[in-house]
Amino acid sequence: MTYLESAAEFYRQVAETPDVGLCCVQSAPLRLPGLKVPRPMQDMNYGCGTTVHPTELQGEPSVLYVGVGGGLEALQFAYFSRRVGAVVAVDPVMSMRQAAQKNLALAEQLNDWFSADFVQITEGDAFALPVPDQSVDVIAQNCLFNIFEPADLSRALAEAYRVLKPGGRLIMSDPIATHPIPVHLQQDDRLRAMCLSGALTYDQYTQRIIRAGFGQVEVRARRPYRLLDCQTYELESDLLLESLDSVSFKVDIPADGACIFTGKTAIYKGAAPYLDDQAGHLLTRGVPLAVCDKTAAKLAIAFPQEILTTASTWHYDGGGCC
């Protein structure tokens, strides 16, 4: 049995017998005005963060959700795109698709605004998405891609890039590892299916996104997720996993490299009212300007006495420049 077959069997089991708290972080679920979530759907919230960021969902976008789970985030996406078939959710596990469909029917009973046909649930997987090239505005996945081995992760990212429209957004939430996970844990298929042993480091994860062609990556949140302790997991030292929420844009990669936003700012502190770095950045004295990590590094080198660059906050919600 391959690791993907093992993962499918694991999720068949948790679809039929929900495992409350299987993957979720210890944080309150996203609450939206007028949205009531059925309890069975909440119990099947098998995610490590959230992919539903309201600022990314203006204009009723078409959404492709990969790995439907209990249907919670498909329902939340439908909250912003209230039309038939606006959200397409794909999952290879029949029992998971059936459970999500049942949960969405319950949601229809609780929410006057919602119709279950807003969400189309279909068979499919991350390596062969059942939609045409450049056909969707948003792709989302929560705590799925971390299950993949690195080569398969690259396949899934390339497939997401294929079906996104130019300028489209890949919204993800995945565990990342604060240092490389030992081989004996990587090879444990059950731990991998439980989102505990397949995580890459932050740099490995973001570089694979960029190699798939995404020219801009924005970190929405980064927080502790799970601790793999020495005794339980046969490690030399404890290994902290973190949950990373990100939005990656299908835009061209600039000649000097992709832009990754992690919440850094640049603050001009010179004598003049403002500074123009002649590279597209106008900094007003004393006012923080959100910049990508690449630009922050360049400004720190070019203007070491005139510009203060701040550390990553690991939260960015737009408004900056490269």
C-alpha atoms as a PDB file:
ATOM      1  CA  MET A   1       0.000   0.000   0.000  1.00  0.00           C
ATOM      2  CA  THR A   2       1.421   3.410  -0.967  1.00  0.00           C
ATOM      3  CA  TYR A   3       1.439   6.342   1.424  1.00  0.00           C
ATOM      4  CA  LEU A   4      -1.379   7.953  -0.588  1.00  0.00           C
ATOM      5  CA  GLU A   5      -3.477   4.800  -0.304  1.00  0.00           C
ATOM      6  CA  SER A   6      -2.775   4.733   3.428  1.00  0.00           C
ATOM      7  CA  ALA A   7      -3.885   8.355   3.702  1.00  0.00           C
ATOM      8  CA  ALA A   8      -7.079   7.618   1.759  1.00  0.00           C
ATOM      9  CA  GLU A   9      -7.896   4.721   4.094  1.00  0.00           C
ATOM     10  CA  PHE A  10      -7.197   6.876   7.147  1.00  0.00           C
ATOM     11  CA  TYR A  11      -9.557   9.593   5.925  1.00  0.00           C
ATOM     12  CA  ARG A  12     -12.196   7.037   5.015  1.00  0.00           C
ATOM     13  CA  GLN A  13     -12.141   6.008   8.680  1.00  0.00           C
ATOM     14  CA  VAL A  14     -12.388   9.547  10.066  1.00  0.00           C
ATOM     15  CA  ALA A  15     -15.166  10.365   7.599  1.00  0.00           C
ATOM     16  CA  GLU A  16     -17.230   7.485   8.932  1.00  0.00           C
ATOM     17  CA  THR A  17     -16.240   8.060  12.583  1.00  0.00           C
ATOM     18  CA  PRO A  18     -15.312  11.735  13.099  1.00  0.00           C
ATOM     19  CA  ASP A  19     -12.167  12.350  15.148  1.00  0.00           C
ATOM     20  CA  VAL A  20     -12.769  15.689  16.863  1.00  0.00           C
ATOM     21  CA  GLY A  21      -9.617  17.806  16.982  1.00  0.00           C
ATOM     22  CA  LEU A  22      -7.649  15.543  14.632  1.00  0.00           C
ATOM     23  CA  CYS A  23      -5.713  18.365  12.997  1.00  0.00           C
ATOM     24  CA  CYS A  24      -7.170  21.648  14.156  1.00  0.00           C
ATOM     25  CA  VAL A  25      -5.145  24.307  15.916  1.00  0.00           C
ATOM     26  CA  GLN A  26      -6.234  25.513  19.307  1.00  0.00           C
ATOM     27  CA  SER A  27      -8.039  28.615  18.108  1.00  0.00           C
ATOM     28  CA  ALA A  28     -11.651  29.717  17.711  1.00  0.00           C
ATOM     29  CA  PRO A  29     -13.184  28.930  14.302  1.00  0.00           C
ATOM     30  CA  LEU A  30     -13.787  31.777  11.891  1.00  0.00           C
ATOM     31  CA  ARG A  31     -17.196  33.317  12.577  1.00  0.00           C
ATOM     32  CA  LEU A  32     -19.150  35.064   9.830  1.00  0.00           C
ATOM     33  CA  PRO A  33     -22.365  37.055  10.373  1.00  0.00           C
ATOM     34  CA  GLY A  34     -25.433  34.989   9.569  1.00  0.00           C
ATOM     35  CA  LEU A  35     -23.527  31.717   9.129  1.00  0.00           C
ATOM     36  CA  LYS A  36     -24.552  28.760  11.274  1.00  0.00           C
ATOM     37  CA  VAL A  37     -22.309  25.684  11.156  1.00  0.00           C
ATOM     38  CA  PRO A  38     -23.842  22.251  11.843  1.00  0.00           C
ATOM     39  CA  ARG A  39     -22.174  20.458  14.742  1.00  0.00           C
ATOM     40  CA  PRO A  40     -21.221  17.359  12.671  1.00  0.00           C
ATOM     41  CA  MET A  41     -19.480  19.672  10.183  1.00  0.00           C
ATOM     42  CA  GLN A  42     -17.564  21.385  12.975  1.00  0.00           C
ATOM     43  CA  ASP A  43     -16.535  18.006  14.399  1.00  0.00           C
ATOM     44  CA  MET A  44     -14.964  17.155  11.023  1.00  0.00           C
ATOM     45  CA  ASN A  45     -12.913  20.336  10.815  1.00  0.00           C
ATOM     46  CA  TYR A  46      -9.724  18.530   9.803  1.00  0.00           C
ATOM     47  CA  GLY A  47      -7.575  21.583   9.154  1.00  0.00           C
ATOM     48  CA  CYS A  48      -4.516  23.170  10.752  1.00  0.00           C
ATOM     49  CA  GLY A  49      -5.569  26.807  10.249  1.00  0.00           C
ATOM     50  CA  THR A  50      -7.920  28.566   7.856  1.00  0.00           C
ATOM     51  CA  THR A  51      -7.955  29.292   4.134  1.00  0.00           C
ATOM     52  CA  VAL A  52     -10.975  31.607   4.291  1.00  0.00           C
ATOM     53  CA  HIS A  53      -9.680  35.182   4.255  1.00  0.00           C
ATOM     54  CA  PRO A  54     -12.497  37.658   3.467  1.00  0.00           C
ATOM     55  CA  THR A  55     -10.150  40.188   1.849  1.00  0.00           C
ATOM     56  CA  GLU A  56      -9.278  37.590  -0.815  1.00  0.00           C
ATOM     57  CA  LEU A  57     -12.910  36.827  -1.650  1.00  0.00           C
ATOM     58  CA  GLN A  58     -14.336  40.059  -3.027  1.00  0.00           C
ATOM     59  CA  GLY A  59     -16.379  39.862  -6.229  1.00  0.00           C
ATOM     60  CA  GLU A  60     -17.863  36.393  -5.683  1.00  0.00           C
ATOM     61  CA  PRO A  61     -14.888  34.423  -7.047  1.00  0.00           C
ATOM     62  CA  SER A  62     -15.068  30.909  -8.420  1.00  0.00           C
ATOM     63  CA  VAL A  63     -13.420  28.587  -5.891  1.00  0.00           C
ATOM     64  CA  LEU A  64     -11.879  25.140  -6.263  1.00  0.00           C
ATOM     65  CA  TYR A  65     -11.438  23.451  -2.897  1.00  0.00           C
ATOM     66  CA  VAL A  66      -9.079  20.468  -2.823  1.00  0.00           C
ATOM     67  CA  GLY A  67      -9.873  17.872  -0.150  1.00  0.00           C
ATOM     68  CA  VAL A  68     -13.411  18.642   1.004  1.00  0.00           C
ATOM     69  CA  GLY A  69     -13.163  17.277   4.545  1.00  0.00           C
ATOM     70  CA  GLY A  70     -16.432  17.815   6.380  1.00  0.00           C
ATOM     71  CA  GLY A  71     -17.361  20.691   4.080  1.00  0.00           C
ATOM     72  CA  LEU A  72     -16.808  23.531   6.561  1.00  0.00           C
ATOM     73  CA  GLU A  73     -14.552  25.713   4.446  1.00  0.00           C
ATOM     74  CA  ALA A  74     -16.537  24.922   1.279  1.00  0.00           C
ATOM     75  CA  LEU A  75     -19.564  26.319   3.143  1.00  0.00           C
ATOM     76  CA  GLN A  76     -17.571  29.372   4.247  1.00  0.00           C
ATOM     77  CA  PHE A  77     -16.404  30.022   0.687  1.00  0.00           C
ATOM     78  CA  ALA A  78     -20.015  29.734  -0.505  1.00  0.00           C
ATOM     79  CA  TYR A  79     -20.852  32.492   1.984  1.00  0.00           C
ATOM     80  CA  PHE A  80     -18.906  34.859  -0.294  1.00  0.00           C
ATOM     81  CA  SER A  81     -19.979  33.328  -3.650  1.00  0.00           C
ATOM     82  CA  ARG A  82     -23.706  32.684  -3.364  1.00  0.00           C
ATOM     83  CA  ARG A  83     -24.537  31.046  -6.659  1.00  0.00           C
ATOM     84  CA  VAL A  84     -24.954  27.547  -8.011  1.00  0.00           C
ATOM     85  CA  GLY A  85     -21.641  25.785  -8.528  1.00  0.00           C
ATOM     86  CA  ALA A  86     -19.512  28.723  -7.395  1.00  0.00           C
ATOM     87  CA  VAL A  87     -17.526  26.356  -5.174  1.00  0.00           C
ATOM     88  CA  VAL A  88     -16.250  23.066  -6.578  1.00  0.00           C
ATOM     89  CA  ALA A  89     -14.876  20.688  -3.938  1.00  0.00           C
ATOM     90  CA  VAL A  90     -12.854  17.653  -5.020  1.00  0.00           C
ATOM     91  CA  ASP A  91     -11.924  14.657  -2.910  1.00  0.00           C
ATOM     92  CA  PRO A  92     -10.748  11.143  -3.837  1.00  0.00           C
ATOM     93  CA  VAL A  93     -12.399   9.497  -0.804  1.00  0.00           C
ATOM     94  CA  MET A  94     -16.022   8.549  -1.459  1.00  0.00           C
ATOM     95  CA  SER A  95     -17.031   8.383   2.217  1.00  0.00           C
ATOM     96  CA  MET A  96     -15.600  11.864   2.781  1.00  0.00           C
ATOM     97  CA  ARG A  97     -17.565  13.228  -0.171  1.00  0.00           C
ATOM     98  CA  GLN A  98     -20.715  11.610   1.181  1.00  0.00           C
ATOM     99  CA  ALA A  99     -20.162  12.983   4.687  1.00  0.00           C
ATOM    100  CA  ALA A 100     -19.576  16.499   3.325  1.00  0.00           C
ATOM    101  CA  GLN A 101     -22.722  16.323   1.198  1.00  0.00           C
ATOM    102  CA  LYS A 102     -24.743  15.280   4.257  1.00  0.00           C
ATOM    103  CA  ASN A 103     -23.248  18.121   6.300  1.00  0.00           C
ATOM    104  CA  LEU A 104     -24.037  20.673   3.587  1.00  0.00           C
ATOM    105  CA  ALA A 105     -27.641  19.484   3.555  1.00  0.00           C
ATOM    106  CA  LEU A 106     -27.748  20.186   7.302  1.00  0.00           C
ATOM    107  CA  ALA A 107     -26.239  23.629   6.676  1.00  0.00           C
ATOM    108  CA  GLU A 108     -29.003  24.355   4.173  1.00  0.00           C
ATOM    109  CA  GLN A 109     -31.576  23.725   6.904  1.00  0.00           C
ATOM    110  CA  LEU A 110     -29.821  26.124   9.293  1.00  0.00           C
ATOM    111  CA  ASN A 111     -29.046  28.981   6.868  1.00  0.00           C
ATOM    112  CA  ASP A 112     -31.761  30.709   4.840  1.00  0.00           C
ATOM    113  CA  TRP A 113     -29.216  32.222   2.442  1.00  0.00           C
ATOM    114  CA  PHE A 114     -27.493  28.902   1.621  1.00  0.00           C
ATOM    115  CA  SER A 115     -28.413  26.320  -0.985  1.00  0.00           C
ATOM    116  CA  ALA A 116     -26.498  23.040  -1.044  1.00  0.00           C
ATOM    117  CA  ASP A 117     -26.052  23.364  -4.817  1.00  0.00           C
ATOM    118  CA  PHE A 118     -23.798  26.376  -4.233  1.00  0.00           C
ATOM    119  CA  VAL A 119     -21.147  23.691  -3.604  1.00  0.00           C
ATOM    120  CA  GLN A 120     -20.483  21.001  -6.203  1.00  0.00           C
ATOM    121  CA  ILE A 121     -18.711  18.000  -4.692  1.00  0.00           C
ATOM    122  CA  THR A 122     -16.938  15.778  -7.186  1.00  0.00           C
ATOM    123  CA  GLU A 123     -14.412  12.970  -7.297  1.00  0.00           C
ATOM    124  CA  GLY A 124     -10.872  14.087  -8.009  1.00  0.00           C
ATOM    125  CA  ASP A 125      -7.451  14.612  -6.545  1.00  0.00           C
ATOM    126  CA  ALA A 126      -4.774  17.268  -6.375  1.00  0.00           C
ATOM    127  CA  PHE A 127      -2.757  15.778  -9.240  1.00  0.00           C
ATOM    128  CA  ALA A 128      -5.527  15.867 -11.864  1.00  0.00           C
ATOM    129  CA  LEU A 129      -8.010  18.600 -11.039  1.00  0.00           C
ATOM    130  CA  PRO A 130     -11.256  18.159 -13.010  1.00  0.00           C
ATOM    131  CA  VAL A 131     -11.395  21.701 -14.412  1.00  0.00           C
ATOM    132  CA  PRO A 132      -9.924  23.386 -17.519  1.00  0.00           C
ATOM    133  CA  ASP A 133      -6.753  25.467 -17.697  1.00  0.00           C
ATOM    134  CA  GLN A 134      -6.993  29.013 -16.294  1.00  0.00           C
ATOM    135  CA  SER A 135     -10.614  28.547 -15.201  1.00  0.00           C
ATOM    136  CA  VAL A 136     -10.844  29.410 -11.479  1.00  0.00           C
ATOM    137  CA  ASP A 137     -10.141  32.499  -9.394  1.00  0.00           C
ATOM    138  CA  VAL A 138      -9.205  30.777  -6.128  1.00  0.00           C
ATOM    139  CA  ILE A 139      -7.843  27.367  -5.179  1.00  0.00           C
ATOM    140  CA  ALA A 140      -7.752  26.394  -1.517  1.00  0.00           C
ATOM    141  CA  GLN A 141      -6.497  23.446   0.484  1.00  0.00           C
ATOM    142  CA  ASN A 142      -6.216  22.989   4.226  1.00  0.00           C
ATOM    143  CA  CYS A 143      -3.763  20.531   5.772  1.00  0.00           C
ATOM    144  CA  LEU A 144      -3.610  18.306   2.682  1.00  0.00           C
ATOM    145  CA  PHE A 145      -0.533  19.202   0.679  1.00  0.00           C
ATOM    146  CA  ASN A 146       1.708  18.569   3.710  1.00  0.00           C
ATOM    147  CA  ILE A 147       0.794  14.883   3.416  1.00  0.00           C
ATOM    148  CA  PHE A 148       2.512  14.675   0.019  1.00  0.00           C
ATOM    149  CA  GLU A 149       6.094  13.632  -0.461  1.00  0.00           C
ATOM    150  CA  PRO A 150       8.151  16.487  -1.984  1.00  0.00           C
ATOM    151  CA  ALA A 151       7.883  15.356  -5.616  1.00  0.00           C
ATOM    152  CA  ASP A 152       4.122  14.943  -5.283  1.00  0.00           C
ATOM    153  CA  LEU A 153       3.842  18.336  -3.610  1.00  0.00           C
ATOM    154  CA  SER A 154       5.495  19.864  -6.671  1.00  0.00           C
ATOM    155  CA  ARG A 155       2.993  18.018  -8.904  1.00  0.00           C
ATOM    156  CA  ALA A 156       0.062  19.361  -6.881  1.00  0.00           C
ATOM    157  CA  LEU A 157       1.389  22.922  -6.956  1.00  0.00           C
ATOM    158  CA  ALA A 158       1.952  22.734 -10.726  1.00  0.00           C
ATOM    159  CA  GLU A 159      -1.612  21.474 -11.187  1.00  0.00           C
ATOM    160  CA  ALA A 160      -2.979  24.329  -9.076  1.00  0.00           C
ATOM    161  CA  TYR A 161      -0.989  26.784 -11.187  1.00  0.00           C
ATOM    162  CA  ARG A 162      -2.448  25.236 -14.354  1.00  0.00           C
ATOM    163  CA  VAL A 163      -6.103  25.771 -13.465  1.00  0.00           C
ATOM    164  CA  LEU A 164      -5.791  29.238 -11.901  1.00  0.00           C
ATOM    165  CA  LYS A 165      -6.620  32.291 -13.961  1.00  0.00           C
ATOM    166  CA  PRO A 166      -3.805  34.839 -14.374  1.00  0.00           C
ATOM    167  CA  GLY A 167      -3.685  36.764 -11.119  1.00  0.00           C
ATOM    168  CA  GLY A 168      -5.534  33.952  -9.353  1.00  0.00           C
ATOM    169  CA  ARG A 169      -4.805  32.925  -5.789  1.00  0.00           C
ATOM    170  CA  LEU A 170      -3.706  29.685  -4.173  1.00  0.00           C
ATOM    171  CA  ILE A 171      -4.782  29.828  -0.522  1.00  0.00           C
ATOM    172  CA  MET A 172      -3.222  27.202   1.722  1.00  0.00           C
ATOM    173  CA  SER A 173      -2.872  26.209   5.337  1.00  0.00           C
ATOM    174  CA  ASP A 174      -0.260  23.560   6.104  1.00  0.00           C
ATOM    175  CA  PRO A 175       2.026  22.476   8.930  1.00  0.00           C
ATOM    176  CA  ILE A 176       5.684  23.360   8.518  1.00  0.00           C
ATOM    177  CA  ALA A 177       8.608  22.043  10.553  1.00  0.00           C
ATOM    178  CA  THR A 178      11.036  24.242  12.477  1.00  0.00           C
ATOM    179  CA  HIS A 179      13.806  21.833  11.442  1.00  0.00           C
ATOM    180  CA  PRO A 180      13.851  18.842   9.067  1.00  0.00           C
ATOM    181  CA  ILE A 181      11.766  15.859  10.124  1.00  0.00           C
ATOM    182  CA  PRO A 182      13.841  12.670  10.550  1.00  0.00           C
ATOM    183  CA  VAL A 183      13.484   9.954   7.929  1.00  0.00           C
ATOM    184  CA  HIS A 184      11.972   7.389  10.309  1.00  0.00           C
ATOM    185  CA  LEU A 185       9.012   9.730  10.903  1.00  0.00           C
ATOM    186  CA  GLN A 186       8.698  10.699   7.245  1.00  0.00           C
ATOM    187  CA  GLN A 187       8.326   7.023   6.397  1.00  0.00           C
ATOM    188  CA  ASP A 188       5.523   6.444   8.913  1.00  0.00           C
ATOM    189  CA  ASP A 189       2.454   6.544   6.648  1.00  0.00           C
ATOM    190  CA  ARG A 190      -0.042   6.917   9.489  1.00  0.00           C
ATOM    191  CA  LEU A 191       1.788   9.871  11.031  1.00  0.00           C
ATOM    192  CA  ARG A 192       2.009  11.415   7.571  1.00  0.00           C
ATOM    193  CA  ALA A 193      -1.751  10.998   7.090  1.00  0.00           C
ATOM    194  CA  MET A 194      -2.267  12.614  10.511  1.00  0.00           C
ATOM    195  CA  CYS A 195      -0.311  15.691   9.310  1.00  0.00           C
ATOM    196  CA  LEU A 196       2.538  15.040  11.739  1.00  0.00           C
ATOM    197  CA  SER A 197       5.468  13.799   9.677  1.00  0.00           C
ATOM    198  CA  GLY A 198       5.261  15.131   6.118  1.00  0.00           C
ATOM    199  CA  ALA A 199       5.905  18.814   6.826  1.00  0.00           C
ATOM    200  CA  LEU A 200       8.737  20.655   5.099  1.00  0.00           C
ATOM    201  CA  THR A 201      10.625  23.544   6.630  1.00  0.00           C
ATOM    202  CA  TYR A 202       9.422  27.082   5.873  1.00  0.00           C
ATOM    203  CA  ASP A 203      12.157  27.667   3.283  1.00  0.00           C
ATOM    204  CA  GLN A 204      11.584  24.315   1.570  1.00  0.00           C
ATOM    205  CA  TYR A 205       7.831  24.908   1.447  1.00  0.00           C
ATOM    206  CA  THR A 206       7.936  28.462   0.071  1.00  0.00           C
ATOM    207  CA  GLN A 207      10.626  27.634  -2.486  1.00  0.00           C
ATOM    208  CA  ARG A 208       8.501  24.824  -3.930  1.00  0.00           C
ATOM    209  CA  ILE A 209       5.637  27.300  -4.330  1.00  0.00           C
ATOM    210  CA  ILE A 210       7.914  29.673  -6.191  1.00  0.00           C
ATOM    211  CA  ARG A 211       9.369  26.911  -8.381  1.00  0.00           C
ATOM    212  CA  ALA A 212       5.791  26.099  -9.454  1.00  0.00           C
ATOM    213  CA  GLY A 213       5.661  29.606 -10.956  1.00  0.00           C
ATOM    214  CA  PHE A 214       3.976  31.754  -8.290  1.00  0.00           C
ATOM    215  CA  GLY A 215       5.572  35.198  -8.271  1.00  0.00           C
ATOM    216  CA  GLN A 216       4.180  36.470  -4.954  1.00  0.00           C
ATOM    217  CA  VAL A 217       3.626  34.687  -1.643  1.00  0.00           C
ATOM    218  CA  GLU A 218       1.980  36.354   1.347  1.00  0.00           C
ATOM    219  CA  VAL A 219       1.971  34.918   4.873  1.00  0.00           C
ATOM    220  CA  ARG A 220      -1.371  35.404   6.606  1.00  0.00           C
ATOM    221  CA  ALA A 221      -0.473  33.636   9.854  1.00  0.00           C
ATOM    222  CA  ARG A 222       2.238  31.470  11.390  1.00  0.00           C
ATOM    223  CA  ARG A 223       1.671  29.892  14.779  1.00  0.00           C
ATOM    224  CA  PRO A 224       2.523  26.796  16.860  1.00  0.00           C
ATOM    225  CA  TYR A 225       0.678  23.653  15.733  1.00  0.00           C
ATOM    226  CA  ARG A 226       2.041  20.495  17.386  1.00  0.00           C
ATOM    227  CA  LEU A 227       5.083  19.396  19.381  1.00  0.00           C
ATOM    228  CA  LEU A 228       6.778  16.117  18.512  1.00  0.00           C
ATOM    229  CA  ASP A 229       8.483  15.243  21.790  1.00  0.00           C
ATOM    230  CA  CYS A 230      11.645  13.177  22.193  1.00  0.00           C
ATOM    231  CA  GLN A 231      10.147  10.240  24.072  1.00  0.00           C
ATOM    232  CA  THR A 232       7.057   9.618  21.964  1.00  0.00           C
ATOM    233  CA  TYR A 233       8.667  10.104  18.559  1.00  0.00           C
ATOM    234  CA  GLU A 234      12.212   8.810  19.256  1.00  0.00           C
ATOM    235  CA  LEU A 235      13.914  12.145  18.599  1.00  0.00           C
ATOM    236  CA  GLU A 236      17.169  13.612  19.859  1.00  0.00           C
ATOM    237  CA  SER A 237      15.389  16.888  20.630  1.00  0.00           C
ATOM    238  CA  ASP A 238      11.810  18.128  20.608  1.00  0.00           C
ATOM    239  CA  LEU A 239      10.525  19.216  17.200  1.00  0.00           C
ATOM    240  CA  LEU A 240       7.972  22.012  16.937  1.00  0.00           C
ATOM    241  CA  LEU A 241       5.548  22.049  14.022  1.00  0.00           C
ATOM    242  CA  GLU A 242       3.926  25.329  13.046  1.00  0.00           C
ATOM    243  CA  SER A 243       0.788  26.129  11.060  1.00  0.00           C
ATOM    244  CA  LEU A 244       1.374  28.409   8.065  1.00  0.00           C
ATOM    245  CA  ASP A 245      -1.513  30.194   6.326  1.00  0.00           C
ATOM    246  CA  SER A 246      -0.444  31.637   2.988  1.00  0.00           C
ATOM    247  CA  VAL A 247      -1.787  33.155  -0.217  1.00  0.00           C
ATOM    248  CA  SER A 248       0.241  32.661  -3.409  1.00  0.00           C
ATOM    249  CA  PHE A 249      -0.514  34.697  -6.526  1.00  0.00           C
ATOM    250  CA  LYS A 250      -0.279  33.516 -10.116  1.00  0.00           C
ATOM    251  CA  VAL A 251       1.750  36.468 -11.308  1.00  0.00           C
ATOM    252  CA  ASP A 252       5.059  36.551 -13.131  1.00  0.00           C
ATOM    253  CA  ILE A 253       8.174  36.081 -11.043  1.00  0.00           C
ATOM    254  CA  PRO A 254      10.181  39.347 -11.167  1.00  0.00           C
ATOM    255  CA  ALA A 255      13.650  39.231 -12.688  1.00  0.00           C
ATOM    256  CA  ASP A 256      15.221  39.676  -9.259  1.00  0.00           C
ATOM    257  CA  GLY A 257      13.168  36.908  -7.641  1.00  0.00           C
ATOM    258  CA  ALA A 258       9.740  36.267  -6.183  1.00  0.00           C
ATOM    259  CA  CYS A 259       8.213  38.514  -3.547  1.00  0.00           C
ATOM    260  CA  ILE A 260       7.493  36.956  -0.149  1.00  0.00           C
ATOM    261  CA  PHE A 261       5.623  39.112   2.339  1.00  0.00           C
ATOM    262  CA  THR A 262       6.017  38.168   6.012  1.00  0.00           C
ATOM    263  CA  GLY A 263       4.966  41.427   7.673  1.00  0.00           C
ATOM    264  CA  LYS A 264       8.246  43.347   7.392  1.00  0.00           C
ATOM    265  CA  THR A 265       8.238  47.112   7.046  1.00  0.00           C
ATOM    266  CA  ALA A 266      10.763  49.751   6.054  1.00  0.00           C
ATOM    267  CA  ILE A 267      10.812  53.099   7.901  1.00  0.00           C
ATOM    268  CA  TYR A 268      12.680  56.112   6.573  1.00  0.00           C
ATOM    269  CA  LYS A 269      14.327  58.186   9.324  1.00  0.00           C
ATOM    270  CA  GLY A 270      16.420  60.708   7.376  1.00  0.00           C
ATOM    271  CA  ALA A 271      16.262  64.504   7.303  1.00  0.00           C
ATOM    272  CA  ALA A 272      14.216  64.956   4.117  1.00  0.00           C
ATOM    273  CA  PRO A 273      10.411  64.604   4.098  1.00  0.00           C
ATOM    274  CA  TYR A 274      10.635  61.420   2.054  1.00  0.00           C
ATOM    275  CA  LEU A 275      13.067  59.091   0.283  1.00  0.00           C
ATOM    276  CA  ASP A 276      12.714  57.755  -3.245  1.00  0.00           C
ATOM    277  CA  ASP A 277      14.913  54.678  -3.701  1.00  0.00           C
ATOM    278  CA  GLN A 278      14.558  54.914  -7.523  1.00  0.00           C
ATOM    279  CA  ALA A 279      13.189  51.360  -7.549  1.00  0.00           C
ATOM    280  CA  GLY A 280       9.501  52.118  -7.079  1.00  0.00           C
ATOM    281  CA  HIS A 281       9.431  52.811  -3.341  1.00  0.00           C
ATOM    282  CA  LEU A 282       8.576  56.215  -1.892  1.00  0.00           C
ATOM    283  CA  LEU A 283       9.085  56.255   1.864  1.00  0.00           C
ATOM    284  CA  THR A 284       7.635  59.076   3.957  1.00  0.00           C
ATOM    285  CA  ARG A 285       9.717  59.965   6.991  1.00  0.00           C
ATOM    286  CA  GLY A 286       8.630  58.063  10.088  1.00  0.00           C
ATOM    287  CA  VAL A 287       5.846  56.113   8.357  1.00  0.00           C
ATOM    288  CA  PRO A 288       6.233  52.300   8.076  1.00  0.00           C
ATOM    289  CA  LEU A 289       5.906  50.921   4.546  1.00  0.00           C
ATOM    290  CA  ALA A 290       5.053  47.228   4.182  1.00  0.00           C
ATOM    291  CA  VAL A 291       7.642  45.560   1.949  1.00  0.00           C
ATOM    292  CA  CYS A 292       8.501  42.044   0.870  1.00  0.00           C
ATOM    293  CA  ASP A 293      11.497  40.304   2.392  1.00  0.00           C
ATOM    294  CA  LYS A 294      13.557  40.832  -0.771  1.00  0.00           C
ATOM    295  CA  THR A 295      12.957  44.595  -0.777  1.00  0.00           C
ATOM    296  CA  ALA A 296      13.603  44.861   2.969  1.00  0.00           C
ATOM    297  CA  ALA A 297      17.024  43.283   2.486  1.00  0.00           C
ATOM    298  CA  LYS A 298      17.887  45.558  -0.443  1.00  0.00           C
ATOM    299  CA  LEU A 299      16.865  48.729   1.416  1.00  0.00           C
ATOM    300  CA  ALA A 300      18.845  47.722   4.485  1.00  0.00           C
ATOM    301  CA  ILE A 301      21.975  47.370   2.358  1.00  0.00           C
ATOM    302  CA  ALA A 302      21.430  50.484   0.212  1.00  0.00           C
ATOM    303  CA  PHE A 303      20.389  52.833   3.041  1.00  0.00           C
ATOM    304  CA  PRO A 304      21.810  51.436   6.295  1.00  0.00           C
ATOM    305  CA  GLN A 305      21.742  54.784   8.114  1.00  0.00           C
ATOM    306  CA  GLU A 306      18.499  56.141   6.694  1.00  0.00           C
ATOM    307  CA  ILE A 307      16.111  53.201   6.743  1.00  0.00           C
ATOM    308  CA  LEU A 308      15.093  50.941   9.598  1.00  0.00           C
ATOM    309  CA  THR A 309      13.745  47.544   8.513  1.00  0.00           C
ATOM    310  CA  THR A 310      11.591  45.686  11.016  1.00  0.00           C
ATOM    311  CA  ALA A 311      11.438  41.945  11.664  1.00  0.00           C
ATOM    312  CA  SER A 312       8.822  39.593  10.240  1.00  0.00           C
ATOM    313  CA  THR A 313       5.531  39.601  12.124  1.00  0.00           C
ATOM    314  CA  TRP A 314       4.402  36.506  10.168  1.00  0.00           C
ATOM    315  CA  HIS A 315       1.174  38.275   9.329  1.00  0.00           C
ATOM    316  CA  TYR A 316       0.482  40.315   6.203  1.00  0.00           C
ATOM    317  CA  ASP A 317      -2.880  41.345   4.752  1.00  0.00           C
ATOM    318  CA  GLY A 318      -1.893  43.481   1.787  1.00  0.00           C
ATOM    319  CA  GLY A 319      -1.063  47.095   1.109  1.00  0.00           C
ATOM    320  CA  GLY A 320       2.676  46.850   0.591  1.00  0.00           C
ATOM    321  CA  CYS A 321       4.953  46.851  -2.412  1.00  0.00           C
ATOM    322  CA  CYS A 322       8.003  45.086  -3.846  1.00  0.00           C
END
